[in-house]
């Protein structure tokens, strides 16, 4: 299992320990149902945000390419002009 990504230095053992600690802290004390629901809701929100981020990053490349194509259709706009516009963007 192991947690991947920039800035994460968790080994699988540490990740399991962290999950175990989180599980034991969620279900202890008063208002455990409310805390559990909030944590589960926040996890779902984070998962959705990660999905949206990936979709946006994937679509940016397509949008960028189509923007360059559109710029090339303008009369008297050469590659140097497009390069200047992109660098200012």
PDB file of N, CA and C in Angstrom:
ATOM      1  N   UNK A   1       0.851  -1.182   0.000  1.00  0.00           N
ATOM      2  CA  UNK A   1       0.000   0.000   0.000  1.00  0.00           C
ATOM      3  C   UNK A   1       0.888   1.232   0.000  1.00  0.00           C
ATOM      4  N   UNK A   2       1.341   1.879   0.859  1.00  0.00           N
ATOM      5  CA  UNK A   2       2.218   3.042   0.782  1.00  0.00           C
ATOM      6  C   UNK A   2       1.515   4.246   0.187  1.00  0.00           C
ATOM      7  N   UNK A   3       1.833   5.394   0.699  1.00  0.00           N
ATOM      8  CA  UNK A   3       1.216   6.621   0.225  1.00  0.00           C
ATOM      9  C   UNK A   3       2.172   7.279  -0.741  1.00  0.00           C
ATOM     10  N   UNK A   4       1.692   7.559  -1.956  1.00  0.00           N
ATOM     11  CA  UNK A   4       2.546   8.129  -2.987  1.00  0.00           C
ATOM     12  C   UNK A   4       2.197   9.587  -3.196  1.00  0.00           C
ATOM     13  N   UNK A   5       3.144  10.311  -3.710  1.00  0.00           N
ATOM     14  CA  UNK A   5       2.908  11.709  -4.027  1.00  0.00           C
ATOM     15  C   UNK A   5       4.051  12.559  -3.532  1.00  0.00           C
ATOM     16  N   UNK A   6       4.098  13.744  -4.061  1.00  0.00           N
ATOM     17  CA  UNK A   6       5.167  14.655  -3.701  1.00  0.00           C
ATOM     18  C   UNK A   6       5.013  15.083  -2.248  1.00  0.00           C
ATOM     19  N   UNK A   7       6.070  14.993  -1.485  1.00  0.00           N
ATOM     20  CA  UNK A   7       6.053  15.461  -0.110  1.00  0.00           C
ATOM     21  C   UNK A   7       5.626  14.411   0.892  1.00  0.00           C
ATOM     22  N   UNK A   8       5.133  13.259   0.445  1.00  0.00           N
ATOM     23  CA  UNK A   8       4.724  12.201   1.364  1.00  0.00           C
ATOM     24  C   UNK A   8       5.855  11.207   1.512  1.00  0.00           C
ATOM     25  N   UNK A   9       6.327  11.047   2.735  1.00  0.00           N
ATOM     26  CA  UNK A   9       7.426  10.129   2.988  1.00  0.00           C
ATOM     27  C   UNK A   9       6.995   9.003   3.915  1.00  0.00           C
ATOM     28  N   UNK A  10       5.752   8.547   3.767  1.00  0.00           N
ATOM     29  CA  UNK A  10       5.230   7.496   4.620  1.00  0.00           C
ATOM     30  C   UNK A  10       5.590   6.136   4.053  1.00  0.00           C
ATOM     31  N   UNK A  11       6.093   5.287   4.910  1.00  0.00           N
ATOM     32  CA  UNK A  11       6.255   3.896   4.512  1.00  0.00           C
ATOM     33  C   UNK A  11       4.914   3.215   4.773  1.00  0.00           C
ATOM     34  N   UNK A  12       4.791   1.999   4.323  1.00  0.00           N
ATOM     35  CA  UNK A  12       3.532   1.267   4.527  1.00  0.00           C
ATOM     36  C   UNK A  12       3.262   1.061   6.012  1.00  0.00           C
ATOM     37  N   UNK A  13       4.305   0.780   6.766  1.00  0.00           N
ATOM     38  CA  UNK A  13       4.148   0.553   8.212  1.00  0.00           C
ATOM     39  C   UNK A  13       3.631   1.818   8.889  1.00  0.00           C
ATOM     40  N   UNK A  14       4.233   2.963   8.569  1.00  0.00           N
ATOM     41  CA  UNK A  14       3.788   4.220   9.171  1.00  0.00           C
ATOM     42  C   UNK A  14       2.366   4.570   8.741  1.00  0.00           C
ATOM     43  N   UNK A  15       2.028   4.287   7.497  1.00  0.00           N
ATOM     44  CA  UNK A  15       0.682   4.568   7.017  1.00  0.00           C
ATOM     45  C   UNK A  15      -0.339   3.724   7.768  1.00  0.00           C
ATOM     46  N   UNK A  16      -0.037   2.452   7.996  1.00  0.00           N
ATOM     47  CA  UNK A  16      -0.951   1.577   8.739  1.00  0.00           C
ATOM     48  C   UNK A  16      -1.077   2.051  10.179  1.00  0.00           C
ATOM     49  N   UNK A  17       0.036   2.460  10.790  1.00  0.00           N
ATOM     50  CA  UNK A  17      -0.016   2.983  12.154  1.00  0.00           C
ATOM     51  C   UNK A  17      -0.884   4.232  12.225  1.00  0.00           C
ATOM     52  N   UNK A  18      -0.736   5.108  11.245  1.00  0.00           N
ATOM     53  CA  UNK A  18      -1.523   6.340  11.214  1.00  0.00           C
ATOM     54  C   UNK A  18      -3.008   6.032  11.055  1.00  0.00           C
ATOM     55  N   UNK A  19      -3.339   5.093  10.199  1.00  0.00           N
ATOM     56  CA  UNK A  19      -4.745   4.701   9.996  1.00  0.00           C
ATOM     57  C   UNK A  19      -5.306   4.090  11.274  1.00  0.00           C
ATOM     58  N   UNK A  20      -4.526   3.233  11.938  1.00  0.00           N
ATOM     59  CA  UNK A  20      -4.979   2.627  13.198  1.00  0.00           C
ATOM     60  C   UNK A  20      -5.223   3.688  14.267  1.00  0.00           C
ATOM     61  N   UNK A  21      -4.304   4.648  14.377  1.00  0.00           N
ATOM     62  CA  UNK A  21      -4.492   5.734  15.348  1.00  0.00           C
ATOM     63  C   UNK A  21      -5.742   6.549  15.032  1.00  0.00           C
ATOM     64  N   UNK A  22      -5.934   6.838  13.748  1.00  0.00           N
ATOM     65  CA  UNK A  22      -7.111   7.608  13.350  1.00  0.00           C
ATOM     66  C   UNK A  22      -8.383   6.839  13.663  1.00  0.00           C
ATOM     67  N   UNK A  23      -8.397   5.545  13.380  1.00  0.00           N
ATOM     68  CA  UNK A  23      -9.582   4.735  13.671  1.00  0.00           C
ATOM     69  C   UNK A  23      -9.886   4.689  15.155  1.00  0.00           C
ATOM     70  N   UNK A  24      -8.863   4.549  15.980  1.00  0.00           N
ATOM     71  CA  UNK A  24      -9.103   4.467  17.420  1.00  0.00           C
ATOM     72  C   UNK A  24      -9.543   5.820  17.983  1.00  0.00           C
ATOM     73  N   UNK A  25      -9.084   6.908  17.407  1.00  0.00           N
ATOM     74  CA  UNK A  25      -9.464   8.216  17.932  1.00  0.00           C
ATOM     75  C   UNK A  25     -10.863   8.625  17.474  1.00  0.00           C
ATOM     76  N   UNK A  26     -11.308   8.139  16.334  1.00  0.00           N
ATOM     77  CA  UNK A  26     -12.640   8.489  15.827  1.00  0.00           C
ATOM     78  C   UNK A  26     -13.732   7.915  16.715  1.00  0.00           C
ATOM     79  N   UNK A  27     -13.547   6.697  17.120  1.00  0.00           N
ATOM     80  CA  UNK A  27     -14.635   5.972  17.761  1.00  0.00           C
ATOM     81  C   UNK A  27     -14.564   5.963  19.273  1.00  0.00           C
ATOM     82  N   UNK A  28     -13.862   6.909  19.868  1.00  0.00           N
ATOM     83  CA  UNK A  28     -13.804   7.016  21.322  1.00  0.00           C
ATOM     84  C   UNK A  28     -14.444   8.315  21.782  1.00  0.00           C
ATOM     85  N   UNK A  29     -15.046   8.284  22.953  1.00  0.00           N
ATOM     86  CA  UNK A  29     -15.567   9.498  23.567  1.00  0.00           C
ATOM     87  C   UNK A  29     -16.965   9.860  23.122  1.00  0.00           C
ATOM     88  N   UNK A  30     -17.403  11.034  23.610  1.00  0.00           N
ATOM     89  CA  UNK A  30     -18.738  11.520  23.270  1.00  0.00           C
ATOM     90  C   UNK A  30     -18.771  12.007  21.834  1.00  0.00           C
ATOM     91  N   UNK A  31     -19.933  12.020  21.268  1.00  0.00           N
ATOM     92  CA  UNK A  31     -20.172  12.503  19.907  1.00  0.00           C
ATOM     93  C   UNK A  31     -19.371  11.726  18.867  1.00  0.00           C
ATOM     94  N   UNK A  32     -19.108  10.468  19.145  1.00  0.00           N
ATOM     95  CA  UNK A  32     -18.308   9.677  18.214  1.00  0.00           C
ATOM     96  C   UNK A  32     -19.016   9.505  16.877  1.00  0.00           C
ATOM     97  N   UNK A  33     -20.346   9.402  16.882  1.00  0.00           N
ATOM     98  CA  UNK A  33     -21.075   9.257  15.621  1.00  0.00           C
ATOM     99  C   UNK A  33     -20.956  10.515  14.769  1.00  0.00           C
ATOM    100  N   UNK A  34     -21.052  11.668  15.408  1.00  0.00           N
ATOM    101  CA  UNK A  34     -20.950  12.935  14.675  1.00  0.00           C
ATOM    102  C   UNK A  34     -19.547  13.111  14.102  1.00  0.00           C
ATOM    103  N   UNK A  35     -18.512  12.811  14.894  1.00  0.00           N
ATOM    104  CA  UNK A  35     -17.135  12.916  14.415  1.00  0.00           C
ATOM    105  C   UNK A  35     -16.874  11.950  13.266  1.00  0.00           C
ATOM    106  N   UNK A  36     -17.379  10.757  13.428  1.00  0.00           N
ATOM    107  CA  UNK A  36     -17.191   9.756  12.381  1.00  0.00           C
ATOM    108  C   UNK A  36     -17.840  10.207  11.075  1.00  0.00           C
ATOM    109  N   UNK A  37     -19.043  10.733  11.172  1.00  0.00           N
ATOM    110  CA  UNK A  37     -19.749  11.209   9.976  1.00  0.00           C
ATOM    111  C   UNK A  37     -18.996  12.366   9.321  1.00  0.00           C
ATOM    112  N   UNK A  38     -18.509  13.310  10.125  1.00  0.00           N
ATOM    113  CA  UNK A  38     -17.779  14.453   9.580  1.00  0.00           C
ATOM    114  C   UNK A  38     -16.488  14.008   8.891  1.00  0.00           C
ATOM    115  N   UNK A  39     -15.783  13.094   9.498  1.00  0.00           N
ATOM    116  CA  UNK A  39     -14.533  12.621   8.896  1.00  0.00           C
ATOM    117  C   UNK A  39     -14.814  11.884   7.594  1.00  0.00           C
ATOM    118  N   UNK A  40     -15.823  11.027   7.590  1.00  0.00           N
ATOM    119  CA  UNK A  40     -16.181  10.309   6.365  1.00  0.00           C
ATOM    120  C   UNK A  40     -16.625  11.281   5.276  1.00  0.00           C
ATOM    121  N   UNK A  41     -17.382  12.304   5.661  1.00  0.00           N
ATOM    122  CA  UNK A  41     -17.826  13.311   4.698  1.00  0.00           C
ATOM    123  C   UNK A  41     -16.639  14.079   4.136  1.00  0.00           C
ATOM    124  N   UNK A  42     -15.712  14.462   5.003  1.00  0.00           N
ATOM    125  CA  UNK A  42     -14.517  15.184   4.547  1.00  0.00           C
ATOM    126  C   UNK A  42     -13.659  14.330   3.620  1.00  0.00           C
ATOM    127  N   UNK A  43     -13.568  13.050   3.899  1.00  0.00           N
ATOM    128  CA  UNK A  43     -12.808  12.149   3.022  1.00  0.00           C
ATOM    129  C   UNK A  43     -13.453  12.092   1.645  1.00  0.00           C
ATOM    130  N   UNK A  44     -14.780  11.993   1.610  1.00  0.00           N
ATOM    131  CA  UNK A  44     -15.477  11.966   0.315  1.00  0.00           C
ATOM    132  C   UNK A  44     -15.277  13.267  -0.450  1.00  0.00           C
ATOM    133  N   UNK A  45     -15.319  14.386   0.256  1.00  0.00           N
ATOM    134  CA  UNK A  45     -15.104  15.689  -0.386  1.00  0.00           C
ATOM    135  C   UNK A  45     -13.692  15.766  -0.956  1.00  0.00           C
ATOM    136  N   UNK A  46     -12.698  15.317  -0.186  1.00  0.00           N
ATOM    137  CA  UNK A  46     -11.315  15.325  -0.665  1.00  0.00           C
ATOM    138  C   UNK A  46     -11.140  14.431  -1.893  1.00  0.00           C
ATOM    139  N   UNK A  47     -11.782  13.285  -1.885  1.00  0.00           N
ATOM    140  CA  UNK A  47     -11.697  12.394  -3.048  1.00  0.00           C
ATOM    141  C   UNK A  47     -12.300  13.057  -4.281  1.00  0.00           C
ATOM    142  N   UNK A  48     -13.449  13.716  -4.109  1.00  0.00           N
ATOM    143  CA  UNK A  48     -14.076  14.411  -5.232  1.00  0.00           C
ATOM    144  C   UNK A  48     -13.208  15.557  -5.736  1.00  0.00           C
ATOM    145  N   UNK A  49     -12.599  16.304  -4.826  1.00  0.00           N
ATOM    146  CA  UNK A  49     -11.719  17.398  -5.228  1.00  0.00           C
ATOM    147  C   UNK A  49     -10.505  16.877  -6.000  1.00  0.00           C
ATOM    148  N   UNK A  50      -9.961  15.753  -5.572  1.00  0.00           N
ATOM    149  CA  UNK A  50      -8.825  15.152  -6.295  1.00  0.00           C
ATOM    150  C   UNK A  50      -9.237  14.735  -7.698  1.00  0.00           C
ATOM    151  N   UNK A  51     -10.436  14.170  -7.833  1.00  0.00           N
ATOM    152  CA  UNK A  51     -10.927  13.787  -9.155  1.00  0.00           C
ATOM    153  C   UNK A  51     -11.106  15.009 -10.042  1.00  0.00           C
ATOM    154  N   UNK A  52     -11.688  16.063  -9.495  1.00  0.00           N
ATOM    155  CA  UNK A  52     -11.894  17.296 -10.259  1.00  0.00           C
ATOM    156  C   UNK A  52     -10.560  17.893 -10.691  1.00  0.00           C
ATOM    157  N   UNK A  53      -9.581  17.887  -9.793  1.00  0.00           N
ATOM    158  CA  UNK A  53      -8.256  18.421 -10.112  1.00  0.00           C
ATOM    159  C   UNK A  53      -7.640  17.659 -11.274  1.00  0.00           C
ATOM    160  N   UNK A  54      -7.734  16.328 -11.243  1.00  0.00           N
ATOM    161  CA  UNK A  54      -7.189  15.515 -12.326  1.00  0.00           C
ATOM    162  C   UNK A  54      -7.884  15.821 -13.649  1.00  0.00           C
ATOM    163  N   UNK A  55      -9.207  15.961 -13.608  1.00  0.00           N
ATOM    164  CA  UNK A  55      -9.955  16.269 -14.828  1.00  0.00           C
ATOM    165  C   UNK A  55      -9.551  17.629 -15.394  1.00  0.00           C
ATOM    166  N   UNK A  56      -9.395  18.610 -14.514  1.00  0.00           N
ATOM    167  CA  UNK A  56      -9.001  19.953 -14.960  1.00  0.00           C
ATOM    168  C   UNK A  56      -7.608  19.910 -15.570  1.00  0.00           C
ATOM    169  N   UNK A  57      -6.681  19.218 -14.921  1.00  0.00           N
ATOM    170  CA  UNK A  57      -5.317  19.124 -15.447  1.00  0.00           C
ATOM    171  C   UNK A  57      -5.299  18.437 -16.804  1.00  0.00           C
ATOM    172  N   UNK A  58      -6.113  17.405 -16.979  1.00  0.00           N
ATOM    173  CA  UNK A  58      -6.171  16.700 -18.267  1.00  0.00           C
ATOM    174  C   UNK A  58      -6.787  17.574 -19.352  1.00  0.00           C
ATOM    175  N   UNK A  59      -7.779  18.369 -18.988  1.00  0.00           N
ATOM    176  CA  UNK A  59      -8.456  19.218 -19.970  1.00  0.00           C
ATOM    177  C   UNK A  59      -7.644  20.449 -20.338  1.00  0.00           C
ATOM    178  N   UNK A  60      -6.749  20.881 -19.470  1.00  0.00           N
ATOM    179  CA  UNK A  60      -5.949  22.070 -19.756  1.00  0.00           C
ATOM    180  C   UNK A  60      -5.099  21.881 -21.006  1.00  0.00           C
ATOM    181  N   UNK A  61      -4.531  20.706 -21.156  1.00  0.00           N
ATOM    182  CA  UNK A  61      -3.703  20.445 -22.334  1.00  0.00           C
ATOM    183  C   UNK A  61      -4.535  20.556 -23.606  1.00  0.00           C
ATOM    184  N   UNK A  62      -5.745  20.011 -23.587  1.00  0.00           N
ATOM    185  CA  UNK A  62      -6.620  20.079 -24.752  1.00  0.00           C
ATOM    186  C   UNK A  62      -7.030  21.523 -25.042  1.00  0.00           C
ATOM    187  N   UNK A  63      -7.373  22.269 -23.998  1.00  0.00           N
ATOM    188  CA  UNK A  63      -7.775  23.662 -24.164  1.00  0.00           C
ATOM    189  C   UNK A  63      -6.627  24.500 -24.712  1.00  0.00           C
ATOM    190  N   UNK A  64      -5.431  24.232 -24.216  1.00  0.00           N
ATOM    191  CA  UNK A  64      -4.256  24.973 -24.644  1.00  0.00           C
ATOM    192  C   UNK A  64      -3.987  24.738 -26.130  1.00  0.00           C
ATOM    193  N   UNK A  65      -4.071  23.482 -26.549  1.00  0.00           N
ATOM    194  CA  UNK A  65      -3.835  23.149 -27.958  1.00  0.00           C
ATOM    195  C   UNK A  65      -4.889  23.790 -28.855  1.00  0.00           C
ATOM    196  N   UNK A  66      -6.138  23.774 -28.424  1.00  0.00           N
ATOM    197  CA  UNK A  66      -7.192  24.379 -29.246  1.00  0.00           C
ATOM    198  C   UNK A  66      -7.053  25.902 -29.278  1.00  0.00           C
ATOM    199  N   UNK A  67      -6.546  26.503 -28.215  1.00  0.00           N
ATOM    200  CA  UNK A  67      -6.318  27.949 -28.211  1.00  0.00           C
ATOM    201  C   UNK A  67      -5.249  28.328 -29.225  1.00  0.00           C
ATOM    202  N   UNK A  68      -4.196  27.532 -29.299  1.00  0.00           N
ATOM    203  CA  UNK A  68      -3.141  27.800 -30.281  1.00  0.00           C
ATOM    204  C   UNK A  68      -3.698  27.661 -31.694  1.00  0.00           C
ATOM    205  N   UNK A  69      -4.512  26.640 -31.920  1.00  0.00           N
ATOM    206  CA  UNK A  69      -5.129  26.458 -33.244  1.00  0.00           C
ATOM    207  C   UNK A  69      -5.984  27.662 -33.612  1.00  0.00           C
ATOM    208  N   UNK A  70      -6.759  28.149 -32.646  1.00  0.00           N
ATOM    209  CA  UNK A  70      -7.618  29.316 -32.889  1.00  0.00           C
ATOM    210  C   UNK A  70      -6.796  30.557 -33.210  1.00  0.00           C
ATOM    211  N   UNK A  71      -5.690  30.741 -32.501  1.00  0.00           N
ATOM    212  CA  UNK A  71      -4.829  31.899 -32.769  1.00  0.00           C
ATOM    213  C   UNK A  71      -4.235  31.839 -34.173  1.00  0.00           C
ATOM    214  N   UNK A  72      -3.912  30.647 -34.641  1.00  0.00           N
ATOM    215  CA  UNK A  72      -3.328  30.499 -35.969  1.00  0.00           C
ATOM    216  C   UNK A  72      -4.316  30.826 -37.087  1.00  0.00           C
ATOM    217  N   UNK A  73      -5.613  30.830 -36.781  1.00  0.00           N
ATOM    218  CA  UNK A  73      -6.613  31.157 -37.809  1.00  0.00           C
ATOM    219  C   UNK A  73      -6.746  32.657 -38.037  1.00  0.00           C
ATOM    220  N   UNK A  74      -6.188  33.454 -37.137  1.00  0.00           N
ATOM    221  CA  UNK A  74      -6.269  34.908 -37.282  1.00  0.00           C
ATOM    222  C   UNK A  74      -5.250  35.351 -38.331  1.00  0.00           C
ATOM    223  N   UNK A  75      -5.693  36.118 -39.340  1.00  0.00           N
ATOM    224  CA  UNK A  75      -4.756  36.586 -40.366  1.00  0.00           C
ATOM    225  C   UNK A  75      -3.640  37.441 -39.751  1.00  0.00           C
ATOM    226  N   UNK A  76      -2.444  37.287 -40.251  1.00  0.00           N
ATOM    227  CA  UNK A  76      -1.254  38.052 -39.854  1.00  0.00           C
ATOM    228  C   UNK A  76      -0.746  37.683 -38.459  1.00  0.00           C
ATOM    229  N   UNK A  77      -1.233  36.596 -37.881  1.00  0.00           N
ATOM    230  CA  UNK A  77      -0.706  36.134 -36.602  1.00  0.00           C
ATOM    231  C   UNK A  77       0.220  34.959 -36.880  1.00  0.00           C
ATOM    232  N   UNK A  78       1.497  35.179 -36.636  1.00  0.00           N
ATOM    233  CA  UNK A  78       2.506  34.156 -36.907  1.00  0.00           C
ATOM    234  C   UNK A  78       2.884  33.442 -35.609  1.00  0.00           C
ATOM    235  N   UNK A  79       3.765  32.470 -35.743  1.00  0.00           N
ATOM    236  CA  UNK A  79       4.191  31.700 -34.575  1.00  0.00           C
ATOM    237  C   UNK A  79       4.856  32.574 -33.515  1.00  0.00           C
ATOM    238  N   UNK A  80       5.619  33.582 -33.945  1.00  0.00           N
ATOM    239  CA  UNK A  80       6.276  34.475 -32.975  1.00  0.00           C
ATOM    240  C   UNK A  80       5.250  35.252 -32.161  1.00  0.00           C
ATOM    241  N   UNK A  81       4.182  35.684 -32.802  1.00  0.00           N
ATOM    242  CA  UNK A  81       3.129  36.417 -32.100  1.00  0.00           C
ATOM    243  C   UNK A  81       2.434  35.501 -31.096  1.00  0.00           C
ATOM    244  N   UNK A  82       2.167  34.284 -31.520  1.00  0.00           N
ATOM    245  CA  UNK A  82       1.524  33.313 -30.621  1.00  0.00           C
ATOM    246  C   UNK A  82       2.429  33.019 -29.436  1.00  0.00           C
ATOM    247  N   UNK A  83       3.721  32.885 -29.696  1.00  0.00           N
ATOM    248  CA  UNK A  83       4.683  32.641 -28.613  1.00  0.00           C
ATOM    249  C   UNK A  83       4.680  33.805 -27.626  1.00  0.00           C
ATOM    250  N   UNK A  84       4.628  35.030 -28.132  1.00  0.00           N
ATOM    251  CA  UNK A  84       4.597  36.210 -27.261  1.00  0.00           C
ATOM    252  C   UNK A  84       3.318  36.231 -26.424  1.00  0.00           C
ATOM    253  N   UNK A  85       2.203  35.880 -27.034  1.00  0.00           N
ATOM    254  CA  UNK A  85       0.921  35.865 -26.311  1.00  0.00           C
ATOM    255  C   UNK A  85       0.951  34.803 -25.210  1.00  0.00           C
ATOM    256  N   UNK A  86       1.467  33.636 -25.548  1.00  0.00           N
ATOM    257  CA  UNK A  86       1.519  32.544 -24.572  1.00  0.00           C
ATOM    258  C   UNK A  86       2.435  32.883 -23.409  1.00  0.00           C
ATOM    259  N   UNK A  87       3.583  33.505 -23.688  1.00  0.00           N
ATOM    260  CA  UNK A  87       4.494  33.840 -22.598  1.00  0.00           C
ATOM    261  C   UNK A  87       3.921  34.901 -21.685  1.00  0.00           C
ATOM    262  N   UNK A  88       3.070  35.759 -22.191  1.00  0.00           N
ATOM    263  CA  UNK A  88       2.409  36.766 -21.348  1.00  0.00           C
ATOM    264  C   UNK A  88       1.269  36.159 -20.551  1.00  0.00           C
ATOM    265  N   UNK A  89       0.740  35.057 -21.018  1.00  0.00           N
ATOM    266  CA  UNK A  89      -0.389  34.389 -20.355  1.00  0.00           C
ATOM    267  C   UNK A  89       0.094  33.742 -19.110  1.00  0.00           C
TER     268      UNK A  89
END
